[in-house]
PDB file of N, CA and C in Angstrom:
ATOM      1  N   UNK A   1      95.010  98.656  97.198  1.00  0.00           N
ATOM      2  CA  UNK A   1      94.239  99.773  97.707  1.00  0.00           C
ATOM      3  C   UNK A   1      95.074 100.517  98.749  1.00  0.00           C
ATOM      4  N   UNK A   2      94.958 101.823  98.710  1.00  0.00           N
ATOM      5  CA  UNK A   2      95.643 102.610  99.731  1.00  0.00           C
ATOM      6  C   UNK A   2      94.593 103.217 100.649  1.00  0.00           C
ATOM      7  N   UNK A   3      94.969 103.458 101.884  1.00  0.00           N
ATOM      8  CA  UNK A   3      94.068 104.035 102.877  1.00  0.00           C
ATOM      9  C   UNK A   3      94.249 105.545 102.862  1.00  0.00           C
ATOM     10  N   UNK A   4      93.167 106.278 102.628  1.00  0.00           N
ATOM     11  CA  UNK A   4      93.215 107.734 102.550  1.00  0.00           C
ATOM     12  C   UNK A   4      92.443 108.313 103.725  1.00  0.00           C
ATOM     13  N   UNK A   5      93.065 109.223 104.468  1.00  0.00           N
ATOM     14  CA  UNK A   5      92.420 109.862 105.618  1.00  0.00           C
ATOM     15  C   UNK A   5      91.925 111.240 105.201  1.00  0.00           C
ATOM     16  N   UNK A   6      90.626 111.470 105.413  1.00  0.00           N
ATOM     17  CA  UNK A   6      90.026 112.750 105.056  1.00  0.00           C
ATOM     18  C   UNK A   6      89.391 113.386 106.282  1.00  0.00           C
ATOM     19  N   UNK A   7      89.496 114.705 106.361  1.00  0.00           N
ATOM     20  CA  UNK A   7      88.969 115.470 107.489  1.00  0.00           C
ATOM     21  C   UNK A   7      88.236 116.699 106.967  1.00  0.00           C
ATOM     22  N   UNK A   8      87.407 117.295 107.850  1.00  0.00           N
ATOM     23  CA  UNK A   8      86.966 118.661 107.649  1.00  0.00           C
ATOM     24  C   UNK A   8      88.104 119.538 108.147  1.00  0.00           C
ATOM     25  N   UNK A   9      88.215 120.759 107.616  1.00  0.00           N
ATOM     26  CA  UNK A   9      89.312 121.649 107.969  1.00  0.00           C
ATOM     27  C   UNK A   9      88.779 123.038 108.291  1.00  0.00           C
ATOM     28  N   UNK A  10      89.473 123.729 109.180  1.00  0.00           N
ATOM     29  CA  UNK A  10      89.216 125.151 109.440  1.00  0.00           C
ATOM     30  C   UNK A  10      90.181 125.918 108.543  1.00  0.00           C
ATOM     31  N   UNK A  11      89.636 126.796 107.694  1.00  0.00           N
ATOM     32  CA  UNK A  11      90.475 127.594 106.799  1.00  0.00           C
ATOM     33  C   UNK A  11      90.125 129.059 106.979  1.00  0.00           C
ATOM     34  N   UNK A  12      91.057 129.921 106.623  1.00  0.00           N
ATOM     35  CA  UNK A  12      90.838 131.352 106.749  1.00  0.00           C
ATOM     36  C   UNK A  12      90.469 131.927 105.391  1.00  0.00           C
ATOM     37  N   UNK A  13      89.267 132.551 105.330  1.00  0.00           N
ATOM     38  CA  UNK A  13      88.773 133.158 104.095  1.00  0.00           C
ATOM     39  C   UNK A  13      88.445 134.615 104.393  1.00  0.00           C
ATOM     40  N   UNK A  14      89.131 135.534 103.736  1.00  0.00           N
ATOM     41  CA  UNK A  14      88.946 136.976 103.940  1.00  0.00           C
ATOM     42  C   UNK A  14      89.026 137.357 105.423  1.00  0.00           C
ATOM     43  N   UNK A  15      89.957 136.764 106.128  1.00  0.00           N
ATOM     44  CA  UNK A  15      90.192 137.096 107.524  1.00  0.00           C
ATOM     45  C   UNK A  15      89.293 136.378 108.521  1.00  0.00           C
ATOM     46  N   UNK A  16      88.341 135.588 108.040  1.00  0.00           N
ATOM     47  CA  UNK A  16      87.429 134.853 108.933  1.00  0.00           C
ATOM     48  C   UNK A  16      87.705 133.366 108.820  1.00  0.00           C
ATOM     49  N   UNK A  17      87.607 132.650 109.931  1.00  0.00           N
ATOM     50  CA  UNK A  17      87.807 131.201 109.938  1.00  0.00           C
ATOM     51  C   UNK A  17      86.505 130.510 109.593  1.00  0.00           C
ATOM     52  N   UNK A  18      86.557 129.635 108.623  1.00  0.00           N
ATOM     53  CA  UNK A  18      85.383 128.875 108.170  1.00  0.00           C
ATOM     54  C   UNK A  18      85.734 127.397 108.158  1.00  0.00           C
ATOM     55  N   UNK A  19      84.707 126.553 108.261  1.00  0.00           N
ATOM     56  CA  UNK A  19      84.886 125.104 108.154  1.00  0.00           C
ATOM     57  C   UNK A  19      84.591 124.690 106.722  1.00  0.00           C
ATOM     58  N   UNK A  20      85.429 123.820 106.171  1.00  0.00           N
ATOM     59  CA  UNK A  20      85.208 123.358 104.800  1.00  0.00           C
ATOM     60  C   UNK A  20      83.892 122.593 104.714  1.00  0.00           C
ATOM     61  N   UNK A  21      83.267 122.636 103.551  1.00  0.00           N
ATOM     62  CA  UNK A  21      82.003 121.913 103.358  1.00  0.00           C
ATOM     63  C   UNK A  21      82.232 120.443 103.057  1.00  0.00           C
ATOM     64  N   UNK A  22      83.428 120.107 102.566  1.00  0.00           N
ATOM     65  CA  UNK A  22      83.742 118.735 102.187  1.00  0.00           C
ATOM     66  C   UNK A  22      85.009 118.284 102.895  1.00  0.00           C
ATOM     67  N   UNK A  23      85.076 116.982 103.159  1.00  0.00           N
ATOM     68  CA  UNK A  23      86.302 116.425 103.724  1.00  0.00           C
ATOM     69  C   UNK A  23      87.349 116.314 102.618  1.00  0.00           C
ATOM     70  N   UNK A  24      88.606 116.468 102.986  1.00  0.00           N
ATOM     71  CA  UNK A  24      89.690 116.257 102.042  1.00  0.00           C
ATOM     72  C   UNK A  24      90.958 115.880 102.785  1.00  0.00           C
ATOM     73  N   UNK A  25      91.954 115.448 102.038  1.00  0.00           N
ATOM     74  CA  UNK A  25      93.216 115.019 102.637  1.00  0.00           C
ATOM     75  C   UNK A  25      94.077 116.238 102.954  1.00  0.00           C
ATOM     76  N   UNK A  26      95.073 116.015 103.799  1.00  0.00           N
ATOM     77  CA  UNK A  26      95.983 117.101 104.166  1.00  0.00           C
ATOM     78  C   UNK A  26      96.750 117.603 102.943  1.00  0.00           C
ATOM     79  N   UNK A  27      97.193 116.683 102.089  1.00  0.00           N
ATOM     80  CA  UNK A  27      97.937 117.087 100.901  1.00  0.00           C
ATOM     81  C   UNK A  27      97.106 118.012 100.012  1.00  0.00           C
ATOM     82  N   UNK A  28      95.832 117.709  99.883  1.00  0.00           N
ATOM     83  CA  UNK A  28      94.956 118.501  99.019  1.00  0.00           C
ATOM     84  C   UNK A  28      94.706 119.891  99.607  1.00  0.00           C
ATOM     85  N   UNK A  29      94.404 119.980 100.871  1.00  0.00           N
ATOM     86  CA  UNK A  29      94.048 121.265 101.482  1.00  0.00           C
ATOM     87  C   UNK A  29      95.258 122.179 101.616  1.00  0.00           C
ATOM     88  N   UNK A  30      96.420 121.607 101.881  1.00  0.00           N
ATOM     89  CA  UNK A  30      97.617 122.431 102.102  1.00  0.00           C
ATOM     90  C   UNK A  30      98.094 123.110 100.823  1.00  0.00           C
ATOM     91  N   UNK A  31      97.689 122.624  99.658  1.00  0.00           N
ATOM     92  CA  UNK A  31      98.045 123.283  98.403  1.00  0.00           C
ATOM     93  C   UNK A  31      97.471 124.697  98.344  1.00  0.00           C
ATOM     94  N   UNK A  32      96.198 124.842  98.716  1.00  0.00           N
ATOM     95  CA  UNK A  32      95.518 126.138  98.634  1.00  0.00           C
ATOM     96  C   UNK A  32      95.500 126.894  99.953  1.00  0.00           C
ATOM     97  N   UNK A  33      95.512 126.179 101.066  1.00  0.00           N
ATOM     98  CA  UNK A  33      95.387 126.802 102.389  1.00  0.00           C
ATOM     99  C   UNK A  33      96.436 126.236 103.344  1.00  0.00           C
ATOM    100  N   UNK A  34      97.648 126.753 103.311  1.00  0.00           N
ATOM    101  CA  UNK A  34      98.691 126.222 104.191  1.00  0.00           C
ATOM    102  C   UNK A  34      98.403 126.463 105.674  1.00  0.00           C
ATOM    103  N   UNK A  35      97.508 127.394 105.980  1.00  0.00           N
ATOM    104  CA  UNK A  35      97.153 127.696 107.366  1.00  0.00           C
ATOM    105  C   UNK A  35      96.056 126.784 107.912  1.00  0.00           C
ATOM    106  N   UNK A  36      95.539 125.868 107.106  1.00  0.00           N
ATOM    107  CA  UNK A  36      94.395 125.020 107.476  1.00  0.00           C
ATOM    108  C   UNK A  36      94.667 124.240 108.759  1.00  0.00           C
ATOM    109  N   UNK A  37      93.614 124.132 109.578  1.00  0.00           N
ATOM    110  CA  UNK A  37      93.685 123.397 110.840  1.00  0.00           C
ATOM    111  C   UNK A  37      92.737 122.206 110.748  1.00  0.00           C
ATOM    112  N   UNK A  38      93.257 121.033 111.058  1.00  0.00           N
ATOM    113  CA  UNK A  38      92.498 119.784 110.974  1.00  0.00           C
ATOM    114  C   UNK A  38      91.476 119.700 112.107  1.00  0.00           C
ATOM    115  N   UNK A  39      90.303 119.138 111.828  1.00  0.00           N
ATOM    116  CA  UNK A  39      89.305 118.829 112.859  1.00  0.00           C
ATOM    117  C   UNK A  39      89.348 117.317 113.055  1.00  0.00           C
ATOM    118  N   UNK A  40      90.082 116.834 114.090  1.00  0.00           N
ATOM    119  CA  UNK A  40      90.357 115.402 114.233  1.00  0.00           C
ATOM    120  C   UNK A  40      89.122 114.510 114.362  1.00  0.00           C
ATOM    121  N   UNK A  41      88.054 115.000 114.991  1.00  0.00           N
ATOM    122  CA  UNK A  41      86.869 114.153 115.177  1.00  0.00           C
ATOM    123  C   UNK A  41      86.082 113.936 113.892  1.00  0.00           C
ATOM    124  N   UNK A  42      86.467 114.597 112.800  1.00  0.00           N
ATOM    125  CA  UNK A  42      85.765 114.413 111.519  1.00  0.00           C
ATOM    126  C   UNK A  42      86.453 113.388 110.620  1.00  0.00           C
ATOM    127  N   UNK A  43      87.389 112.631 111.156  1.00  0.00           N
ATOM    128  CA  UNK A  43      88.164 111.672 110.369  1.00  0.00           C
ATOM    129  C   UNK A  43      87.282 110.616 109.700  1.00  0.00           C
ATOM    130  N   UNK A  44      87.548 110.400 108.410  1.00  0.00           N
ATOM    131  CA  UNK A  44      86.946 109.308 107.645  1.00  0.00           C
ATOM    132  C   UNK A  44      88.091 108.653 106.890  1.00  0.00           C
ATOM    133  N   UNK A  45      88.211 107.320 107.013  1.00  0.00           N
ATOM    134  CA  UNK A  45      89.254 106.588 106.308  1.00  0.00           C
ATOM    135  C   UNK A  45      88.638 105.847 105.126  1.00  0.00           C
ATOM    136  N   UNK A  46      89.165 106.095 103.942  1.00  0.00           N
ATOM    137  CA  UNK A  46      88.629 105.498 102.722  1.00  0.00           C
ATOM    138  C   UNK A  46      89.673 104.614 102.067  1.00  0.00           C
ATOM    139  N   UNK A  47      89.239 103.485 101.525  1.00  0.00           N
ATOM    140  CA  UNK A  47      90.119 102.647 100.717  1.00  0.00           C
ATOM    141  C   UNK A  47      90.001 103.123  99.279  1.00  0.00           C
ATOM    142  N   UNK A  48      91.098 103.607  98.729  1.00  0.00           N
ATOM    143  CA  UNK A  48      91.091 104.180  97.392  1.00  0.00           C
ATOM    144  C   UNK A  48      91.872 103.259  96.456  1.00  0.00           C
ATOM    145  N   UNK A  49      91.282 102.871  95.315  1.00  0.00           N
ATOM    146  CA  UNK A  49      91.995 102.011  94.370  1.00  0.00           C
ATOM    147  C   UNK A  49      93.208 102.721  93.791  1.00  0.00           C
ATOM    148  N   UNK A  50      94.320 101.994  93.665  1.00  0.00           N
ATOM    149  CA  UNK A  50      95.540 102.571  93.101  1.00  0.00           C
ATOM    150  C   UNK A  50      95.745 102.175  91.644  1.00  0.00           C
ATOM    151  N   UNK A  51      95.285 101.005  91.256  1.00  0.00           N
ATOM    152  CA  UNK A  51      95.483 100.545  89.888  1.00  0.00           C
ATOM    153  C   UNK A  51      94.140 100.474  89.165  1.00  0.00           C
ATOM    154  N   UNK A  52      94.209 100.349  87.858  1.00  0.00           N
ATOM    155  CA  UNK A  52      92.986 100.252  87.067  1.00  0.00           C
ATOM    156  C   UNK A  52      92.215  98.968  87.387  1.00  0.00           C
ATOM    157  N   UNK A  53      92.927  97.884  87.637  1.00  0.00           N
ATOM    158  CA  UNK A  53      92.265  96.621  87.985  1.00  0.00           C
ATOM    159  C   UNK A  53      91.491  96.756  89.292  1.00  0.00           C
ATOM    160  N   UNK A  54      92.088  97.430  90.280  1.00  0.00           N
ATOM    161  CA  UNK A  54      91.392  97.643  91.554  1.00  0.00           C
ATOM    162  C   UNK A  54      90.165  98.528  91.365  1.00  0.00           C
ATOM    163  N   UNK A  55      90.278  99.529  90.484  1.00  0.00           N
ATOM    164  CA  UNK A  55      89.142 100.401  90.226  1.00  0.00           C
ATOM    165  C   UNK A  55      87.975  99.619  89.612  1.00  0.00           C
ATOM    166  N   UNK A  56      88.275  98.763  88.618  1.00  0.00           N
ATOM    167  CA  UNK A  56      87.210  97.978  87.981  1.00  0.00           C
ATOM    168  C   UNK A  56      86.626  96.955  88.950  1.00  0.00           C
ATOM    169  N   UNK A  57      87.447  96.364  89.804  1.00  0.00           N
ATOM    170  CA  UNK A  57      86.935  95.415  90.799  1.00  0.00           C
ATOM    171  C   UNK A  57      85.984  96.105  91.764  1.00  0.00           C
ATOM    172  N   UNK A  58      86.352  97.306  92.202  1.00  0.00           N
ATOM    173  CA  UNK A  58      85.464  98.059  93.095  1.00  0.00           C
ATOM    174  C   UNK A  58      84.162  98.399  92.377  1.00  0.00           C
ATOM    175  N   UNK A  59      84.253  98.788  91.109  1.00  0.00           N
ATOM    176  CA  UNK A  59      83.056  99.117  90.331  1.00  0.00           C
ATOM    177  C   UNK A  59      82.147  97.896  90.199  1.00  0.00           C
ATOM    178  N   UNK A  60      82.729  96.724  89.908  1.00  0.00           N
ATOM    179  CA  UNK A  60      81.930  95.509  89.751  1.00  0.00           C
ATOM    180  C   UNK A  60      81.234  95.104  91.041  1.00  0.00           C
ATOM    181  N   UNK A  61      81.867  95.367  92.187  1.00  0.00           N
ATOM    182  CA  UNK A  61      81.299  94.927  93.459  1.00  0.00           C
ATOM    183  C   UNK A  61      80.412  95.980  94.104  1.00  0.00           C
ATOM    184  N   UNK A  62      80.352  97.186  93.552  1.00  0.00           N
ATOM    185  CA  UNK A  62      79.478  98.203  94.128  1.00  0.00           C
ATOM    186  C   UNK A  62      78.034  97.898  93.743  1.00  0.00           C
ATOM    187  N   UNK A  63      77.094  98.488  94.462  1.00  0.00           N
ATOM    188  CA  UNK A  63      75.678  98.211  94.198  1.00  0.00           C
ATOM    189  C   UNK A  63      75.269  98.695  92.815  1.00  0.00           C
ATOM    190  N   UNK A  64      75.708  99.870  92.410  1.00  0.00           N
ATOM    191  CA  UNK A  64      75.354 100.393  91.099  1.00  0.00           C
ATOM    192  C   UNK A  64      76.103  99.669  89.994  1.00  0.00           C
ATOM    193  N   UNK A  65      77.404  99.489  90.180  1.00  0.00           N
ATOM    194  CA  UNK A  65      78.206  98.836  89.157  1.00  0.00           C
ATOM    195  C   UNK A  65      77.767  97.421  88.898  1.00  0.00           C
ATOM    196  N   UNK A  66      77.457  96.676  89.950  1.00  0.00           N
ATOM    197  CA  UNK A  66      77.007  95.295  89.789  1.00  0.00           C
ATOM    198  C   UNK A  66      75.713  95.215  89.016  1.00  0.00           C
ATOM    199  N   UNK A  67      74.784  96.128  89.301  1.00  0.00           N
ATOM    200  CA  UNK A  67      73.504  96.128  88.598  1.00  0.00           C
ATOM    201  C   UNK A  67      73.700  96.451  87.120  1.00  0.00           C
ATOM    202  N   UNK A  68      74.579  97.402  86.831  1.00  0.00           N
ATOM    203  CA  UNK A  68      74.823  97.757  85.433  1.00  0.00           C
ATOM    204  C   UNK A  68      75.560  96.653  84.695  1.00  0.00           C
ATOM    205  N   UNK A  69      76.523  96.027  85.353  1.00  0.00           N
ATOM    206  CA  UNK A  69      77.310  94.985  84.694  1.00  0.00           C
ATOM    207  C   UNK A  69      76.444  93.773  84.345  1.00  0.00           C
ATOM    208  N   UNK A  70      75.382  93.513  85.111  1.00  0.00           N
ATOM    209  CA  UNK A  70      74.513  92.373  84.833  1.00  0.00           C
ATOM    210  C   UNK A  70      73.729  92.554  83.537  1.00  0.00           C
ATOM    211  N   UNK A  71      73.514  93.813  83.122  1.00  0.00           N
ATOM    212  CA  UNK A  71      72.721  94.074  81.925  1.00  0.00           C
ATOM    213  C   UNK A  71      73.575  94.224  80.673  1.00  0.00           C
ATOM    214  N   UNK A  72      74.899  94.244  80.808  1.00  0.00           N
ATOM    215  CA  UNK A  72      75.762  94.360  79.644  1.00  0.00           C
ATOM    216  C   UNK A  72      76.022  92.977  79.051  1.00  0.00           C
ATOM    217  N   UNK A  73      76.120  92.881  77.722  1.00  0.00           N
ATOM    218  CA  UNK A  73      76.472  91.586  77.129  1.00  0.00           C
ATOM    219  C   UNK A  73      77.914  91.238  77.460  1.00  0.00           C
ATOM    220  N   UNK A  74      78.196  89.965  77.543  1.00  0.00           N
ATOM    221  CA  UNK A  74      79.575  89.572  77.825  1.00  0.00           C
ATOM    222  C   UNK A  74      80.434  89.893  76.607  1.00  0.00           C
ATOM    223  N   UNK A  75      81.715  89.980  76.786  1.00  0.00           N
ATOM    224  CA  UNK A  75      82.623  90.352  75.703  1.00  0.00           C
ATOM    225  C   UNK A  75      82.544  89.354  74.552  1.00  0.00           C
ATOM    226  N   UNK A  76      82.352  88.084  74.854  1.00  0.00           N
ATOM    227  CA  UNK A  76      82.298  87.081  73.792  1.00  0.00           C
ATOM    228  C   UNK A  76      81.038  87.208  72.936  1.00  0.00           C
ATOM    229  N   UNK A  77      79.983  87.847  73.446  1.00  0.00           N
ATOM    230  CA  UNK A  77      78.740  87.981  72.703  1.00  0.00           C
ATOM    231  C   UNK A  77      78.710  89.233  71.820  1.00  0.00           C
ATOM    232  N   UNK A  78      79.615  90.160  72.031  1.00  0.00           N
ATOM    233  CA  UNK A  78      79.578  91.399  71.261  1.00  0.00           C
ATOM    234  C   UNK A  78      80.386  91.256  69.985  1.00  0.00           C
ATOM    235  N   UNK A  79      79.975  92.014  68.982  1.00  0.00           N
ATOM    236  CA  UNK A  79      80.691  92.008  67.720  1.00  0.00           C
ATOM    237  C   UNK A  79      81.855  92.984  67.803  1.00  0.00           C
ATOM    238  N   UNK A  80      82.931  92.720  67.084  1.00  0.00           N
ATOM    239  CA  UNK A  80      84.013  93.703  67.046  1.00  0.00           C
ATOM    240  C   UNK A  80      83.524  94.982  66.377  1.00  0.00           C
ATOM    241  N   UNK A  81      84.099  96.150  66.685  1.00  0.00           N
ATOM    242  CA  UNK A  81      83.616  97.421  66.131  1.00  0.00           C
ATOM    243  C   UNK A  81      83.576  97.457  64.621  1.00  0.00           C
ATOM    244  N   UNK A  82      84.519  96.827  63.932  1.00  0.00           N
ATOM    245  CA  UNK A  82      84.530  96.878  62.478  1.00  0.00           C
ATOM    246  C   UNK A  82      83.399  96.060  61.854  1.00  0.00           C
ATOM    247  N   UNK A  83      82.763  95.163  62.613  1.00  0.00           N
ATOM    248  CA  UNK A  83      81.692  94.335  62.084  1.00  0.00           C
ATOM    249  C   UNK A  83      80.326  95.019  62.186  1.00  0.00           C
ATOM    250  N   UNK A  84      80.233  96.101  62.949  1.00  0.00           N
ATOM    251  CA  UNK A  84      78.947  96.780  63.114  1.00  0.00           C
ATOM    252  C   UNK A  84      78.637  97.643  61.895  1.00  0.00           C
ATOM    253  N   UNK A  85      77.364  97.836  61.645  1.00  0.00           N
ATOM    254  CA  UNK A  85      76.941  98.663  60.529  1.00  0.00           C
ATOM    255  C   UNK A  85      77.371 100.109  60.762  1.00  0.00           C
ATOM    256  N   UNK A  86      77.691 100.820  59.679  1.00  0.00           N
ATOM    257  CA  UNK A  86      78.169 102.188  59.839  1.00  0.00           C
ATOM    258  C   UNK A  86      77.054 103.149  60.213  1.00  0.00           C
ATOM    259  N   UNK A  87      75.825 102.903  59.735  1.00  0.00           N
ATOM    260  CA  UNK A  87      74.727 103.798  60.101  1.00  0.00           C
ATOM    261  C   UNK A  87      74.305 103.575  61.542  1.00  0.00           C
ATOM    262  N   UNK A  88      74.436 102.397  62.073  1.00  0.00           N
ATOM    263  CA  UNK A  88      74.341 102.108  63.494  1.00  0.00           C
ATOM    264  C   UNK A  88      72.968 102.123  64.115  1.00  0.00           C
ATOM    265  N   UNK A  89      72.031 102.940  63.650  1.00  0.00           N
ATOM    266  CA  UNK A  89      70.780 103.079  64.381  1.00  0.00           C
ATOM    267  C   UNK A  89      69.980 101.785  64.434  1.00  0.00           C
ATOM    268  N   UNK A  90      69.920 101.051  63.347  1.00  0.00           N
ATOM    269  CA  UNK A  90      69.108  99.846  63.333  1.00  0.00           C
ATOM    270  C   UNK A  90      69.669  98.775  64.260  1.00  0.00           C
ATOM    271  N   UNK A  91      70.990  98.676  64.336  1.00  0.00           N
ATOM    272  CA  UNK A  91      71.576  97.584  65.108  1.00  0.00           C
ATOM    273  C   UNK A  91      71.861  97.946  66.556  1.00  0.00           C
ATOM    274  N   UNK A  92      72.206  99.203  66.855  1.00  0.00           N
ATOM    275  CA  UNK A  92      72.642  99.515  68.213  1.00  0.00           C
ATOM    276  C   UNK A  92      71.545 100.095  69.095  1.00  0.00           C
ATOM    277  N   UNK A  93      70.646 100.884  68.531  1.00  0.00           N
ATOM    278  CA  UNK A  93      69.643 101.538  69.353  1.00  0.00           C
ATOM    279  C   UNK A  93      68.367 100.717  69.434  1.00  0.00           C
ATOM    280  N   UNK A  94      68.072  99.944  68.423  1.00  0.00           N
ATOM    281  CA  UNK A  94      66.869  99.120  68.431  1.00  0.00           C
ATOM    282  C   UNK A  94      65.638  99.857  67.933  1.00  0.00           C
ATOM    283  N   UNK A  95      65.807 100.831  67.047  1.00  0.00           N
ATOM    284  CA  UNK A  95      64.670 101.552  66.471  1.00  0.00           C
ATOM    285  C   UNK A  95      64.014 100.652  65.441  1.00  0.00           C
ATOM    286  N   UNK A  96      62.685 100.522  65.488  1.00  0.00           N
ATOM    287  CA  UNK A  96      62.003  99.687  64.494  1.00  0.00           C
ATOM    288  C   UNK A  96      62.289 100.185  63.078  1.00  0.00           C
ATOM    289  N   UNK A  97      62.410  99.252  62.137  1.00  0.00           N
ATOM    290  CA  UNK A  97      62.791  99.577  60.761  1.00  0.00           C
ATOM    291  C   UNK A  97      61.813 100.536  60.098  1.00  0.00           C
ATOM    292  N   UNK A  98      60.494 100.360  60.339  1.00  0.00           N
ATOM    293  CA  UNK A  98      59.523 101.245  59.694  1.00  0.00           C
ATOM    294  C   UNK A  98      59.635 102.676  60.215  1.00  0.00           C
ATOM    295  N   UNK A  99      59.897 102.853  61.495  1.00  0.00           N
ATOM    296  CA  UNK A  99      60.076 104.191  62.048  1.00  0.00           C
ATOM    297  C   UNK A  99      61.344 104.820  61.491  1.00  0.00           C
ATOM    298  N   UNK A 100      62.419 104.054  61.418  1.00  0.00           N
ATOM    299  CA  UNK A 100      63.668 104.567  60.881  1.00  0.00           C
ATOM    300  C   UNK A 100      63.497 104.946  59.406  1.00  0.00           C
ATOM    301  N   UNK A 101      62.780 104.136  58.646  1.00  0.00           N
ATOM    302  CA  UNK A 101      62.549 104.444  57.227  1.00  0.00           C
ATOM    303  C   UNK A 101      61.755 105.735  57.082  1.00  0.00           C
ATOM    304  N   UNK A 102      60.767 105.960  57.961  1.00  0.00           N
ATOM    305  CA  UNK A 102      59.985 107.182  57.877  1.00  0.00           C
ATOM    306  C   UNK A 102      60.823 108.409  58.240  1.00  0.00           C
ATOM    307  N   UNK A 103      61.803 108.253  59.087  1.00  0.00           N
ATOM    308  CA  UNK A 103      62.657 109.368  59.457  1.00  0.00           C
ATOM    309  C   UNK A 103      63.672 109.701  58.366  1.00  0.00           C
ATOM    310  N   UNK A 104      64.013 108.698  57.527  1.00  0.00           N
ATOM    311  CA  UNK A 104      64.997 108.912  56.470  1.00  0.00           C
ATOM    312  C   UNK A 104      64.403 109.599  55.253  1.00  0.00           C
ATOM    313  N   UNK A 105      63.072 109.664  55.125  1.00  0.00           N
ATOM    314  CA  UNK A 105      62.447 110.306  53.971  1.00  0.00           C
ATOM    315  C   UNK A 105      62.685 111.807  54.019  1.00  0.00           C
ATOM    316  N   UNK A 106      62.891 112.372  52.841  1.00  0.00           N
ATOM    317  CA  UNK A 106      63.068 113.821  52.757  1.00  0.00           C
ATOM    318  C   UNK A 106      61.721 114.498  52.916  1.00  0.00           C
ATOM    319  N   UNK A 107      61.728 115.551  53.708  1.00  0.00           N
ATOM    320  CA  UNK A 107      60.492 116.317  53.937  1.00  0.00           C
ATOM    321  C   UNK A 107      60.669 117.681  53.281  1.00  0.00           C
ATOM    322  N   UNK A 108      59.839 118.010  52.291  1.00  0.00           N
ATOM    323  CA  UNK A 108      59.961 119.336  51.648  1.00  0.00           C
ATOM    324  C   UNK A 108      59.410 120.441  52.566  1.00  0.00           C
ATOM    325  N   UNK A 109      60.132 121.519  52.624  1.00  0.00           N
ATOM    326  CA  UNK A 109      59.691 122.655  53.439  1.00  0.00           C
ATOM    327  C   UNK A 109      59.365 123.819  52.573  1.00  0.00           C
TER     328      UNK A 109
END
């Protein structure tokens, strides 16, 4: 993980100085606004994942990610993609067979 420092910035827009609505890094703001002035008291330091493994670890340990991961089947319980039915609706969505059969009937207009 790398430590990223983000601030609010004073930027000049059409000759007037405005404060940015979002915090961002110096590298990001200087691309569009080289005249930007940092507001030091708005500092926020964030740990940002650098690798894919760090990103997935952060996702698993977050409140939302952890809740979602608990409801997913484990990799050993899932079928490989080639083993799934091609029509897919009966096996993946869980639509009752009688409802699916009624939807497959041709309706004359």
